[in-house]
């Protein structure tokens, strides 16, 4: 069962459209019945625990992994369309660069490999971090290394930038600098970004769109600004210690009971009882509840949901 809010009547086109996407390995399904839309021009946080399917989804989007079922379209075109990959850039967790190359040589390599190379943008990103152009990659700090890797990614001038935990190994100051760089470059050029991260506070500050995966399935997808208002954190008293009947009119994401008192994260369906204490949850509380409660109905905000023909939704 899924919950889908009213349809989005004014999308600017879809950067990614997944219909019944799935990947099966010998050990089981890494991704299954994955259907969603990501509007172009958004910065999307890809959230989920280890093994949720995040890297598999990014691998499919970059043609490193072949799906077992379903399809993923990039700006309306199938993945095997020759025009697709030049529009996409990917930066993995290890941010692989040739350690013996200098920074200047690394940017020259980017220019040689990418016909639409934006040399001015790549050099601006590097120089704004005071990274010496003659320094060898192997001598750079973690923050400098990431800056050069991002310069390569943005120098390609992609329409879609896919990032797999790009700042996981950075200290807080370097992470702040890289986050500001990523946001400014993406906004200036209208680049669509999908970034996986375990740092929920980082996603809250940077992302205006969310895709939450758990057990290989979509748990939540859509506008970050619409996610929190769709939920309420309620506290009340159940006379028999079982709040199920009281909560029945609403969609329950998570409930905790202590004695006769309960606290629940719900998506209200109608008025809430006057004797309940009602509060607006934080985005982190909403995300964690959806990750813990994988049996709760999934949520798609306007435009994020998509029906996969012949394949049931979660």
Protein backbone atom coordinates (compact mmCIF):
# COMPACT_ATOMS: atom_id res chain seq x y z
CA UNK A 1 0.00 0.00 0.00
CA UNK A 2 1.30 3.46 -0.87
CA UNK A 3 0.10 6.95 -0.15
CA UNK A 4 0.38 9.43 -3.01
CA UNK A 5 -0.49 13.07 -2.54
CA UNK A 6 -2.12 15.14 -5.27
CA UNK A 7 -0.31 15.03 -8.64
CA UNK A 8 2.22 17.66 -9.58
CA UNK A 9 0.75 19.80 -12.32
CA UNK A 10 3.83 21.86 -13.15
CA UNK A 11 6.94 19.73 -13.45
CA UNK A 12 9.87 20.95 -15.46
CA UNK A 13 10.58 17.48 -16.83
CA UNK A 14 12.03 14.46 -15.12
CA UNK A 15 15.75 13.90 -14.64
CA UNK A 16 15.12 10.30 -13.55
CA UNK A 17 12.07 8.06 -13.95
CA UNK A 18 12.15 4.55 -12.51
CA UNK A 19 9.41 2.06 -13.32
CA UNK A 20 9.43 -1.22 -11.41
CA UNK A 21 13.21 -1.11 -11.25
CA UNK A 22 14.86 -4.11 -9.64
CA UNK A 23 18.21 -5.86 -9.30
CA UNK A 24 18.59 -9.46 -8.15
CA UNK A 25 21.89 -10.99 -7.09
CA UNK A 26 22.53 -14.57 -6.03
CA UNK A 27 22.04 -13.53 -2.40
CA UNK A 28 18.67 -11.94 -3.12
CA UNK A 29 17.07 -8.67 -4.22
CA UNK A 30 19.19 -5.55 -3.72
CA UNK A 31 16.52 -3.34 -5.27
CA UNK A 32 12.91 -4.26 -6.02
CA UNK A 33 9.74 -2.62 -7.36
CA UNK A 34 11.50 0.75 -7.32
CA UNK A 35 9.31 3.40 -8.97
CA UNK A 36 9.76 7.15 -8.58
CA UNK A 37 10.33 10.44 -10.41
CA UNK A 38 13.03 13.03 -9.77
CA UNK A 39 12.27 16.45 -11.31
CA UNK A 40 15.04 18.17 -13.22
CA UNK A 41 16.97 20.90 -11.42
CA UNK A 42 16.56 19.51 -7.90
CA UNK A 43 19.13 18.48 -5.30
CA UNK A 44 17.98 15.07 -4.09
CA UNK A 45 19.16 13.32 -0.94
CA UNK A 46 19.32 9.54 -1.30
CA UNK A 47 18.79 8.09 2.17
CA UNK A 48 18.92 4.57 3.56
CA UNK A 49 20.91 2.20 5.77
CA UNK A 50 23.73 0.05 4.44
CA UNK A 51 22.31 -2.55 2.09
CA UNK A 52 19.19 -0.51 1.31
CA UNK A 53 19.93 -0.39 -2.42
CA UNK A 54 21.41 3.10 -2.75
CA UNK A 55 24.65 2.07 -4.45
CA UNK A 56 22.76 -0.37 -6.65
CA UNK A 57 20.44 2.41 -7.83
CA UNK A 58 23.40 4.69 -8.57
CA UNK A 59 25.16 1.81 -10.31
CA UNK A 60 22.18 1.25 -12.59
CA UNK A 61 21.93 4.97 -13.33
CA UNK A 62 25.60 5.01 -14.41
CA UNK A 63 25.33 1.73 -16.38
CA UNK A 64 27.76 -0.04 -14.07
CA UNK A 65 24.96 -2.43 -13.03
CA UNK A 66 22.35 -3.99 -15.29
CA UNK A 67 18.80 -4.10 -13.87
CA UNK A 68 17.01 -7.43 -13.55
CA UNK A 69 13.60 -5.89 -14.12
CA UNK A 70 11.97 -2.57 -14.89
CA UNK A 71 13.56 0.47 -16.46
CA UNK A 72 15.25 3.72 -15.56
CA UNK A 73 15.00 6.69 -17.93
CA UNK A 74 17.31 9.72 -17.85
CA UNK A 75 15.71 12.96 -19.06
CA UNK A 76 13.12 10.84 -20.82
CA UNK A 77 15.62 8.65 -22.70
CA UNK A 78 16.49 5.01 -22.00
CA UNK A 79 19.83 4.29 -20.36
CA UNK A 80 21.23 2.64 -23.47
CA UNK A 81 20.62 5.75 -25.57
CA UNK A 82 24.10 6.94 -26.70
CA UNK A 83 23.12 10.54 -25.88
CA UNK A 84 22.43 9.73 -22.21
CA UNK A 85 25.83 9.16 -20.63
CA UNK A 86 27.43 12.45 -21.78
CA UNK A 87 24.74 14.20 -19.72
CA UNK A 88 25.64 12.30 -16.53
CA UNK A 89 28.60 12.57 -14.15
CA UNK A 90 29.29 10.21 -11.25
CA UNK A 91 31.51 10.56 -8.20
CA UNK A 92 31.93 7.47 -6.02
CA UNK A 93 32.94 7.16 -2.38
CA UNK A 94 36.59 6.50 -3.19
CA UNK A 95 36.81 9.48 -5.61
CA UNK A 96 39.44 7.71 -7.77
CA UNK A 97 42.10 9.98 -9.25
CA UNK A 98 45.60 9.19 -10.54
CA UNK A 99 47.86 9.87 -7.57
CA UNK A 100 50.93 10.64 -9.70
CA UNK A 101 49.11 13.22 -11.83
CA UNK A 102 49.34 16.86 -10.89
CA UNK A 103 46.14 18.83 -10.46
CA UNK A 104 46.76 20.55 -13.81
CA UNK A 105 47.30 17.18 -15.52
CA UNK A 106 44.11 15.86 -13.97
CA UNK A 107 42.09 18.77 -15.35
CA UNK A 108 43.79 18.33 -18.73
CA UNK A 109 42.67 14.69 -18.68
CA UNK A 110 39.11 15.84 -18.02
CA UNK A 111 39.31 18.18 -21.01
CA UNK A 112 40.62 15.42 -23.29
CA UNK A 113 37.88 12.97 -22.26
CA UNK A 114 34.88 15.30 -22.31
CA UNK A 115 33.85 17.16 -25.48
CA UNK A 116 31.78 19.71 -23.58
CA UNK A 117 34.49 20.44 -21.03
CA UNK A 118 34.18 23.73 -19.12
CA UNK A 119 37.80 24.54 -18.31
CA UNK A 120 36.98 27.86 -16.66
CA UNK A 121 34.56 26.25 -14.20
CA UNK A 122 36.94 23.40 -13.32
CA UNK A 123 39.86 25.75 -12.71
CA UNK A 124 37.67 28.13 -10.69
CA UNK A 125 36.60 25.31 -8.36
CA UNK A 126 40.21 24.24 -7.81
CA UNK A 127 41.70 27.72 -7.39
CA UNK A 128 38.94 28.89 -5.02
CA UNK A 129 40.21 26.26 -2.58
CA UNK A 130 43.84 27.39 -2.95
CA UNK A 131 44.81 24.01 -4.35
CA UNK A 132 48.19 24.31 -6.13
CA UNK A 133 47.90 23.35 -9.79
CA UNK A 134 51.36 21.74 -9.74
CA UNK A 135 50.62 19.58 -6.65
CA UNK A 136 50.38 15.86 -7.19
CA UNK A 137 47.03 14.26 -6.33
CA UNK A 138 48.65 11.85 -3.87
CA UNK A 139 49.89 14.76 -1.73
CA UNK A 140 46.52 16.50 -1.33
CA UNK A 141 44.42 16.58 1.84
CA UNK A 142 41.03 14.91 1.89
CA UNK A 143 39.23 18.19 1.29
CA UNK A 144 41.55 19.16 -1.58
CA UNK A 145 41.18 15.72 -3.16
CA UNK A 146 37.38 16.01 -3.03
CA UNK A 147 37.53 19.52 -4.49
CA UNK A 148 39.53 18.31 -7.48
CA UNK A 149 37.14 15.38 -7.95
CA UNK A 150 34.18 17.78 -7.92
CA UNK A 151 36.01 20.03 -10.38
CA UNK A 152 36.23 17.06 -12.75
CA UNK A 153 32.55 16.29 -12.27
CA UNK A 154 31.33 19.86 -12.79
CA UNK A 155 33.87 20.49 -15.57
CA UNK A 156 32.05 17.86 -17.60
CA UNK A 157 29.08 20.22 -17.28
CA UNK A 158 26.60 17.39 -16.65
CA UNK A 159 22.85 17.81 -16.51
CA UNK A 160 22.72 15.09 -13.83
CA UNK A 161 25.37 14.64 -11.13
CA UNK A 162 25.28 11.41 -9.09
CA UNK A 163 27.25 11.34 -5.83
CA UNK A 164 27.82 8.31 -3.59
CA UNK A 165 28.78 9.47 -0.07
CA UNK A 166 31.09 12.17 -1.50
CA UNK A 167 31.95 13.80 1.83
CA UNK A 168 31.94 10.84 4.21
CA UNK A 169 35.70 11.04 4.86
CA UNK A 170 35.95 14.81 5.36
CA UNK A 171 36.29 16.75 8.61
CA UNK A 172 33.42 19.13 9.51
CA UNK A 173 35.10 22.25 8.10
CA UNK A 174 35.99 20.61 4.79
CA UNK A 175 32.50 19.10 4.60
CA UNK A 176 30.96 22.56 5.09
CA UNK A 177 33.16 24.03 2.34
CA UNK A 178 32.36 21.20 -0.09
CA UNK A 179 28.63 21.44 0.65
CA UNK A 180 28.65 25.17 -0.13
CA UNK A 181 30.63 24.51 -3.33
CA UNK A 182 28.26 21.77 -4.44
CA UNK A 183 25.15 23.85 -3.85
CA UNK A 184 26.47 27.00 -5.54
CA UNK A 185 27.67 25.15 -8.66
CA UNK A 186 24.48 23.10 -8.96
CA UNK A 187 22.18 26.11 -8.54
CA UNK A 188 24.18 28.32 -10.93
CA UNK A 189 24.00 25.81 -13.77
CA UNK A 190 20.66 24.14 -12.98
CA UNK A 191 22.35 20.77 -12.44
CA UNK A 192 20.19 17.98 -11.06
CA UNK A 193 22.01 16.26 -8.17
CA UNK A 194 21.31 12.94 -6.47
CA UNK A 195 23.54 12.47 -3.44
CA UNK A 196 23.58 9.55 -1.03
CA UNK A 197 24.55 10.32 2.55
CA UNK A 198 24.18 8.94 6.07
CA UNK A 199 24.36 12.46 7.54
CA UNK A 200 20.72 13.48 7.86
CA UNK A 201 21.57 17.00 9.06
CA UNK A 202 23.68 17.48 5.91
CA UNK A 203 20.77 16.46 3.70
CA UNK A 204 18.37 18.74 5.54
CA UNK A 205 20.60 21.74 4.85
CA UNK A 206 21.38 20.91 1.22
CA UNK A 207 18.53 18.96 -0.35
CA UNK A 208 15.11 20.05 -1.55
CA UNK A 209 14.08 16.55 -2.64
CA UNK A 210 14.33 13.16 -0.92
CA UNK A 211 14.38 9.52 -1.91
CA UNK A 212 14.39 7.09 1.03
CA UNK A 213 15.17 3.41 0.48
CA UNK A 214 14.93 0.51 2.94
CA UNK A 215 15.14 -3.20 2.21
CA UNK A 216 15.58 -2.35 -1.46
CA UNK A 217 12.24 -0.53 -1.74
CA UNK A 218 11.16 3.10 -1.85
CA UNK A 219 9.84 4.21 1.53
CA UNK A 220 9.46 7.93 0.84
CA UNK A 221 9.97 10.16 -2.18
CA UNK A 222 9.33 13.78 -2.98
CA UNK A 223 9.70 17.42 -1.97
CA UNK A 224 11.49 17.90 1.33
CA UNK A 225 9.24 20.86 2.18
CA UNK A 226 6.14 18.67 1.82
CA UNK A 227 7.42 15.70 3.82
CA UNK A 228 7.34 17.14 7.34
CA UNK A 229 3.91 18.89 7.11
CA UNK A 230 2.40 15.58 5.99
CA UNK A 231 3.22 14.10 9.41
CA UNK A 232 2.33 14.77 13.02
CA UNK A 233 3.98 13.57 16.20
CA UNK A 234 1.17 12.75 18.65
CA UNK A 235 1.19 11.78 22.31
CA UNK A 236 -1.86 10.41 24.10
CA UNK A 237 -3.22 7.95 26.63
CA UNK A 238 -4.84 4.62 25.81
CA UNK A 239 -6.93 3.28 28.65
CA UNK A 240 -6.03 -0.33 27.96
CA UNK A 241 -2.47 0.46 26.94
CA UNK A 242 -3.21 -0.42 23.30
CA UNK A 243 -3.56 2.67 21.08
CA UNK A 244 -4.34 0.74 17.89
CA UNK A 245 -8.07 1.60 17.89
CA UNK A 246 -7.41 5.27 18.63
CA UNK A 247 -4.84 5.50 15.81
CA UNK A 248 -6.87 3.44 13.32
CA UNK A 249 -8.31 6.45 11.37
CA UNK A 250 -4.80 7.66 10.55
CA UNK A 251 -1.79 6.29 8.69
CA UNK A 252 0.64 5.17 11.36
CA UNK A 253 4.33 5.24 10.51
CA UNK A 254 5.67 4.36 13.95
CA UNK A 255 4.21 3.99 17.45
CA UNK A 256 5.83 3.53 20.85
CA UNK A 257 3.97 2.59 24.02
CA UNK A 258 5.06 3.15 27.61
CA UNK A 259 2.46 1.95 30.06
CA UNK A 260 -0.78 3.67 29.13
CA UNK A 261 0.92 6.49 27.24
CA UNK A 262 1.82 6.27 23.57
CA UNK A 263 3.72 8.42 21.11
CA UNK A 264 3.19 7.95 17.38
CA UNK A 265 4.29 9.47 14.11
CA UNK A 266 1.21 9.58 11.90
CA UNK A 267 -0.06 11.02 8.66
CA UNK A 268 -3.38 12.44 9.85
CA UNK A 269 -6.55 11.54 7.99
CA UNK A 270 -8.97 14.04 9.49
CA UNK A 271 -8.99 15.88 12.84
CA UNK A 272 -6.85 14.65 15.70
CA UNK A 273 -8.42 14.21 19.17
CA UNK A 274 -8.33 17.35 21.30
CA UNK A 275 -6.78 15.53 24.27
CA UNK A 276 -3.71 14.48 22.26
CA UNK A 277 -0.51 16.52 22.38
CA UNK A 278 0.36 17.27 18.77
CA UNK A 279 3.74 18.51 17.56
CA UNK A 280 5.45 18.89 14.20
CA UNK A 281 8.30 16.40 13.89
CA UNK A 282 11.73 17.27 12.59
CA UNK A 283 12.82 15.98 9.19
CA UNK A 284 15.27 13.68 10.94
CA UNK A 285 12.49 12.18 13.08
CA UNK A 286 10.39 11.53 9.95
CA UNK A 287 13.24 9.91 8.05
CA UNK A 288 14.32 7.71 10.95
CA UNK A 289 10.75 6.56 11.57
CA UNK A 290 10.33 5.55 7.92
CA UNK A 291 13.66 3.71 7.99
CA UNK A 292 12.77 1.83 11.17
CA UNK A 293 9.21 0.99 10.15
CA UNK A 294 9.64 -0.70 6.79
CA UNK A 295 6.11 -2.16 6.93
CA UNK A 296 4.47 1.27 7.13
CA UNK A 297 2.80 2.57 3.94
CA UNK A 298 5.23 4.43 1.68
CA UNK A 299 4.72 8.12 0.96
CA UNK A 300 5.08 9.94 -2.37
CA UNK A 301 4.60 13.71 -2.44
CA UNK A 302 3.10 15.35 -5.58
CA UNK A 303 4.70 14.13 -8.80
CA UNK A 304 7.16 11.72 -7.15
CA UNK A 305 5.06 8.59 -7.54
CA UNK A 306 4.78 6.53 -10.69
CA UNK A 307 2.91 3.32 -11.38
CA UNK A 308 4.92 0.50 -12.89
CA UNK A 309 2.86 -1.27 -15.52
CA UNK A 310 2.22 -4.87 -14.51
CA UNK A 311 4.39 -4.56 -11.39
CA UNK A 312 2.74 -3.96 -7.99
CA UNK A 313 3.94 -1.08 -5.85
CA UNK A 314 5.23 -1.66 -2.35
